[in-house]
Amino acid sequence: MSPRTSKASLNFTTMAQVDVPQGRNGKHKEIVTRILSDLGQVPAGTAIKVPLADLAQSKEKVRSALNRAIHKGRRDVATASDATFLYVWNKAK
């Protein structure tokens, strides 16, 4: 058997690894980051009122994204909502 003298052409384009995006910035990252930042500044028992009109996505989707971030950060947070606001607060320990 003779060694292969030509390479097969690539199916996809290439780029330097240092230029590859490393983080995942989901649709809800900005609002979740803002909520978590505010939660870090308020005492337990103080609720943050997030206007539902300010949410780019549905309340349920933002609440799910917030829930994932809360569990990832091992925080003890509760949420509630009404027709106007999403309420988020740190639970008392």
N, C-alpha and C. Protein backbone atom coordinates (compact mmCIF):
# COMPACT_ATOMS: atom_id res chain seq x y z
N MET A 1 0.84 -1.18 0.00
CA MET A 1 0.00 0.00 0.00
C MET A 1 0.89 1.24 0.00
N SER A 2 0.51 2.18 -0.78
CA SER A 2 1.28 3.42 -0.83
C SER A 2 0.60 4.46 0.05
N PRO A 3 1.40 5.35 0.65
CA PRO A 3 0.79 6.41 1.47
C PRO A 3 -0.05 7.33 0.60
N ARG A 4 -1.07 7.85 1.20
CA ARG A 4 -1.97 8.75 0.48
C ARG A 4 -1.24 10.05 0.15
N THR A 5 -1.29 10.45 -1.08
CA THR A 5 -0.54 11.64 -1.48
C THR A 5 -1.39 12.89 -1.54
N SER A 6 -2.70 12.77 -1.61
CA SER A 6 -3.54 13.97 -1.64
C SER A 6 -4.63 13.87 -0.57
N LYS A 7 -4.97 15.01 -0.01
CA LYS A 7 -6.01 15.05 1.02
C LYS A 7 -7.36 15.33 0.38
N ALA A 8 -8.39 14.82 0.99
CA ALA A 8 -9.74 15.14 0.53
C ALA A 8 -10.02 16.60 0.89
N SER A 9 -10.81 17.27 0.08
CA SER A 9 -11.13 18.67 0.37
C SER A 9 -12.09 18.75 1.57
N LEU A 10 -12.00 19.85 2.29
CA LEU A 10 -12.85 20.05 3.47
C LEU A 10 -14.29 20.35 3.05
N ASN A 11 -15.20 19.95 3.88
CA ASN A 11 -16.62 20.20 3.63
C ASN A 11 -17.07 21.55 4.18
N PHE A 12 -16.33 22.07 5.16
CA PHE A 12 -16.71 23.31 5.83
C PHE A 12 -15.52 24.25 5.87
N THR A 13 -15.78 25.53 6.10
CA THR A 13 -14.71 26.50 6.23
C THR A 13 -14.05 26.37 7.59
N THR A 14 -12.87 26.93 7.74
CA THR A 14 -12.15 26.85 9.00
C THR A 14 -11.87 28.25 9.53
N MET A 15 -11.48 28.31 10.81
CA MET A 15 -11.08 29.58 11.43
C MET A 15 -10.17 29.27 12.60
N ALA A 16 -9.44 30.27 13.05
CA ALA A 16 -8.55 30.09 14.19
C ALA A 16 -9.38 29.83 15.45
N GLN A 17 -8.92 28.94 16.30
CA GLN A 17 -9.65 28.59 17.51
C GLN A 17 -9.84 29.79 18.43
N VAL A 18 -8.87 30.70 18.46
CA VAL A 18 -8.99 31.87 19.35
C VAL A 18 -10.15 32.77 18.94
N ASP A 19 -10.62 32.65 17.70
CA ASP A 19 -11.73 33.47 17.23
C ASP A 19 -13.09 32.82 17.44
N VAL A 20 -13.10 31.60 17.96
CA VAL A 20 -14.36 30.87 18.19
C VAL A 20 -15.04 31.43 19.44
N PRO A 21 -16.33 31.79 19.36
CA PRO A 21 -17.05 32.28 20.55
C PRO A 21 -17.09 31.19 21.62
N GLN A 22 -16.80 31.55 22.85
CA GLN A 22 -16.71 30.56 23.93
C GLN A 22 -17.91 30.52 24.84
N GLY A 23 -18.68 31.58 24.92
CA GLY A 23 -19.81 31.59 25.85
C GLY A 23 -21.12 31.51 25.11
N ARG A 24 -22.14 31.08 25.81
CA ARG A 24 -23.47 31.06 25.22
C ARG A 24 -24.26 32.20 25.83
N ASN A 25 -24.63 33.14 25.01
CA ASN A 25 -25.43 34.25 25.48
C ASN A 25 -26.84 34.07 24.93
N GLY A 26 -27.69 33.48 25.74
CA GLY A 26 -29.05 33.22 25.32
C GLY A 26 -29.88 34.49 25.24
N LYS A 27 -31.09 34.33 24.77
CA LYS A 27 -32.01 35.45 24.59
C LYS A 27 -32.33 36.16 25.91
N HIS A 28 -32.25 35.43 27.01
CA HIS A 28 -32.68 35.97 28.30
C HIS A 28 -31.52 36.42 29.17
N LYS A 29 -30.31 36.34 28.65
CA LYS A 29 -29.13 36.63 29.47
C LYS A 29 -29.17 38.03 30.08
N GLU A 30 -29.54 39.03 29.30
CA GLU A 30 -29.51 40.40 29.81
C GLU A 30 -30.49 40.59 30.97
N ILE A 31 -31.73 40.18 30.81
CA ILE A 31 -32.73 40.38 31.87
C ILE A 31 -32.39 39.53 33.09
N VAL A 32 -31.94 38.30 32.90
CA VAL A 32 -31.59 37.44 34.03
C VAL A 32 -30.40 38.02 34.78
N THR A 33 -29.41 38.52 34.06
CA THR A 33 -28.24 39.14 34.69
C THR A 33 -28.65 40.36 35.51
N ARG A 34 -29.55 41.17 34.96
CA ARG A 34 -30.02 42.35 35.68
C ARG A 34 -30.78 41.98 36.95
N ILE A 35 -31.63 40.96 36.85
CA ILE A 35 -32.40 40.51 38.02
C ILE A 35 -31.46 39.98 39.10
N LEU A 36 -30.52 39.12 38.71
CA LEU A 36 -29.59 38.55 39.69
C LEU A 36 -28.71 39.63 40.32
N SER A 37 -28.34 40.64 39.55
CA SER A 37 -27.57 41.75 40.09
C SER A 37 -28.37 42.49 41.16
N ASP A 38 -29.62 42.77 40.87
CA ASP A 38 -30.47 43.45 41.86
C ASP A 38 -30.69 42.58 43.10
N LEU A 39 -30.87 41.27 42.89
CA LEU A 39 -31.07 40.37 44.03
C LEU A 39 -29.86 40.36 44.95
N GLY A 40 -28.68 40.55 44.38
CA GLY A 40 -27.47 40.59 45.18
C GLY A 40 -27.35 41.85 46.02
N GLN A 41 -28.20 42.83 45.75
CA GLN A 41 -28.11 44.11 46.46
C GLN A 41 -29.26 44.36 47.43
N VAL A 42 -30.24 43.48 47.45
CA VAL A 42 -31.38 43.69 48.35
C VAL A 42 -31.39 42.62 49.44
N PRO A 43 -31.90 42.98 50.61
CA PRO A 43 -31.97 42.00 51.70
C PRO A 43 -33.06 40.96 51.46
N ALA A 44 -32.96 39.85 52.16
CA ALA A 44 -33.99 38.81 52.09
C ALA A 44 -35.33 39.42 52.47
N GLY A 45 -36.37 39.03 51.79
CA GLY A 45 -37.70 39.53 52.08
C GLY A 45 -38.09 40.76 51.28
N THR A 46 -37.17 41.30 50.49
CA THR A 46 -37.47 42.44 49.63
C THR A 46 -37.63 41.93 48.20
N ALA A 47 -38.80 42.15 47.61
CA ALA A 47 -39.06 41.66 46.27
C ALA A 47 -38.69 42.69 45.22
N ILE A 48 -38.17 42.21 44.10
CA ILE A 48 -37.90 43.04 42.94
C ILE A 48 -39.11 42.93 42.02
N LYS A 49 -39.61 44.06 41.55
CA LYS A 49 -40.77 44.08 40.64
C LYS A 49 -40.27 44.29 39.22
N VAL A 50 -40.36 43.27 38.39
CA VAL A 50 -39.94 43.36 37.00
C VAL A 50 -41.19 43.54 36.14
N PRO A 51 -41.33 44.69 35.48
CA PRO A 51 -42.53 44.91 34.64
C PRO A 51 -42.58 43.90 33.49
N LEU A 52 -43.70 43.22 33.35
CA LEU A 52 -43.84 42.24 32.28
C LEU A 52 -43.75 42.91 30.91
N ALA A 53 -44.14 44.17 30.82
CA ALA A 53 -44.06 44.90 29.55
C ALA A 53 -42.62 45.08 29.09
N ASP A 54 -41.66 45.02 30.02
CA ASP A 54 -40.24 45.19 29.68
C ASP A 54 -39.59 43.90 29.19
N LEU A 55 -40.29 42.78 29.29
CA LEU A 55 -39.71 41.50 28.90
C LEU A 55 -39.83 41.29 27.39
N ALA A 56 -38.72 40.93 26.76
CA ALA A 56 -38.73 40.66 25.32
C ALA A 56 -39.40 39.33 25.02
N GLN A 57 -39.32 38.39 25.95
CA GLN A 57 -39.92 37.07 25.80
C GLN A 57 -41.05 36.93 26.82
N SER A 58 -41.74 35.82 26.77
CA SER A 58 -42.85 35.60 27.69
C SER A 58 -42.35 35.46 29.13
N LYS A 59 -43.26 35.73 30.05
CA LYS A 59 -42.96 35.62 31.47
C LYS A 59 -42.47 34.21 31.80
N GLU A 60 -43.09 33.21 31.20
CA GLU A 60 -42.72 31.81 31.48
C GLU A 60 -41.31 31.50 31.02
N LYS A 61 -40.93 32.01 29.87
CA LYS A 61 -39.58 31.74 29.35
C LYS A 61 -38.52 32.44 30.19
N VAL A 62 -38.81 33.67 30.60
CA VAL A 62 -37.86 34.39 31.44
C VAL A 62 -37.76 33.72 32.81
N ARG A 63 -38.89 33.29 33.35
CA ARG A 63 -38.87 32.61 34.64
C ARG A 63 -38.08 31.30 34.56
N SER A 64 -38.20 30.59 33.48
CA SER A 64 -37.44 29.34 33.30
C SER A 64 -35.95 29.63 33.21
N ALA A 65 -35.57 30.65 32.45
CA ALA A 65 -34.15 31.02 32.34
C ALA A 65 -33.62 31.48 33.70
N LEU A 66 -34.41 32.23 34.43
CA LEU A 66 -34.02 32.68 35.76
C LEU A 66 -33.86 31.49 36.70
N ASN A 67 -34.78 30.54 36.62
CA ASN A 67 -34.71 29.34 37.45
C ASN A 67 -33.42 28.55 37.19
N ARG A 68 -33.04 28.42 35.91
CA ARG A 68 -31.79 27.72 35.58
C ARG A 68 -30.58 28.44 36.17
N ALA A 69 -30.56 29.77 36.07
CA ALA A 69 -29.44 30.55 36.61
C ALA A 69 -29.39 30.47 38.14
N ILE A 70 -30.55 30.50 38.76
CA ILE A 70 -30.63 30.42 40.23
C ILE A 70 -30.08 29.08 40.72
N HIS A 71 -30.48 28.00 40.07
CA HIS A 71 -30.00 26.69 40.48
C HIS A 71 -28.52 26.50 40.20
N LYS A 72 -28.07 27.05 39.09
CA LYS A 72 -26.65 26.97 38.77
C LYS A 72 -25.82 27.70 39.82
N GLY A 73 -26.31 28.84 40.28
CA GLY A 73 -25.62 29.62 41.31
C GLY A 73 -25.93 29.19 42.72
N ARG A 74 -26.76 28.16 42.86
CA ARG A 74 -27.15 27.62 44.17
C ARG A 74 -27.70 28.71 45.10
N ARG A 75 -28.60 29.49 44.54
CA ARG A 75 -29.24 30.56 45.31
C ARG A 75 -30.62 30.10 45.76
N ASP A 76 -31.14 30.72 46.81
CA ASP A 76 -32.46 30.40 47.32
C ASP A 76 -33.38 31.58 47.03
N VAL A 77 -34.09 31.49 45.91
CA VAL A 77 -34.89 32.60 45.40
C VAL A 77 -36.30 32.11 45.12
N ALA A 78 -37.27 32.99 45.29
CA ALA A 78 -38.67 32.66 44.99
C ALA A 78 -39.20 33.67 43.97
N THR A 79 -40.23 33.24 43.24
CA THR A 79 -40.86 34.13 42.26
C THR A 79 -42.37 34.05 42.39
N ALA A 80 -43.02 35.09 41.93
CA ALA A 80 -44.48 35.14 41.83
C ALA A 80 -44.78 36.14 40.71
N SER A 81 -46.01 36.17 40.26
CA SER A 81 -46.36 37.14 39.22
C SER A 81 -47.84 37.45 39.27
N ASP A 82 -48.18 38.56 38.67
CA ASP A 82 -49.57 38.92 38.45
C ASP A 82 -49.67 39.40 37.01
N ALA A 83 -50.70 40.11 36.67
CA ALA A 83 -50.89 40.54 35.28
C ALA A 83 -49.90 41.61 34.85
N THR A 84 -49.23 42.26 35.80
CA THR A 84 -48.37 43.40 35.48
C THR A 84 -46.89 43.16 35.75
N PHE A 85 -46.57 42.40 36.81
CA PHE A 85 -45.18 42.26 37.24
C PHE A 85 -44.77 40.80 37.47
N LEU A 86 -43.47 40.56 37.34
CA LEU A 86 -42.83 39.34 37.82
C LEU A 86 -42.10 39.76 39.09
N TYR A 87 -42.40 39.13 40.20
CA TYR A 87 -41.80 39.45 41.49
C TYR A 87 -40.75 38.39 41.80
N VAL A 88 -39.57 38.85 42.21
CA VAL A 88 -38.47 37.94 42.53
C VAL A 88 -37.85 38.40 43.85
N TRP A 89 -37.59 37.44 44.78
CA TRP A 89 -36.98 37.80 46.04
C TRP A 89 -36.11 36.69 46.57
N ASN A 90 -35.13 37.10 47.38
CA ASN A 90 -34.28 36.14 48.09
C ASN A 90 -35.08 35.59 49.25
N LYS A 91 -35.10 34.28 49.40
CA LYS A 91 -35.80 33.68 50.54
C LYS A 91 -34.97 33.90 51.80
N ALA A 92 -35.68 34.08 52.91
CA ALA A 92 -35.01 34.22 54.20
C ALA A 92 -34.39 32.87 54.58
N LYS A 93 -33.24 32.93 55.21
CA LYS A 93 -32.54 31.68 55.58
C LYS A 93 -32.93 31.18 56.92
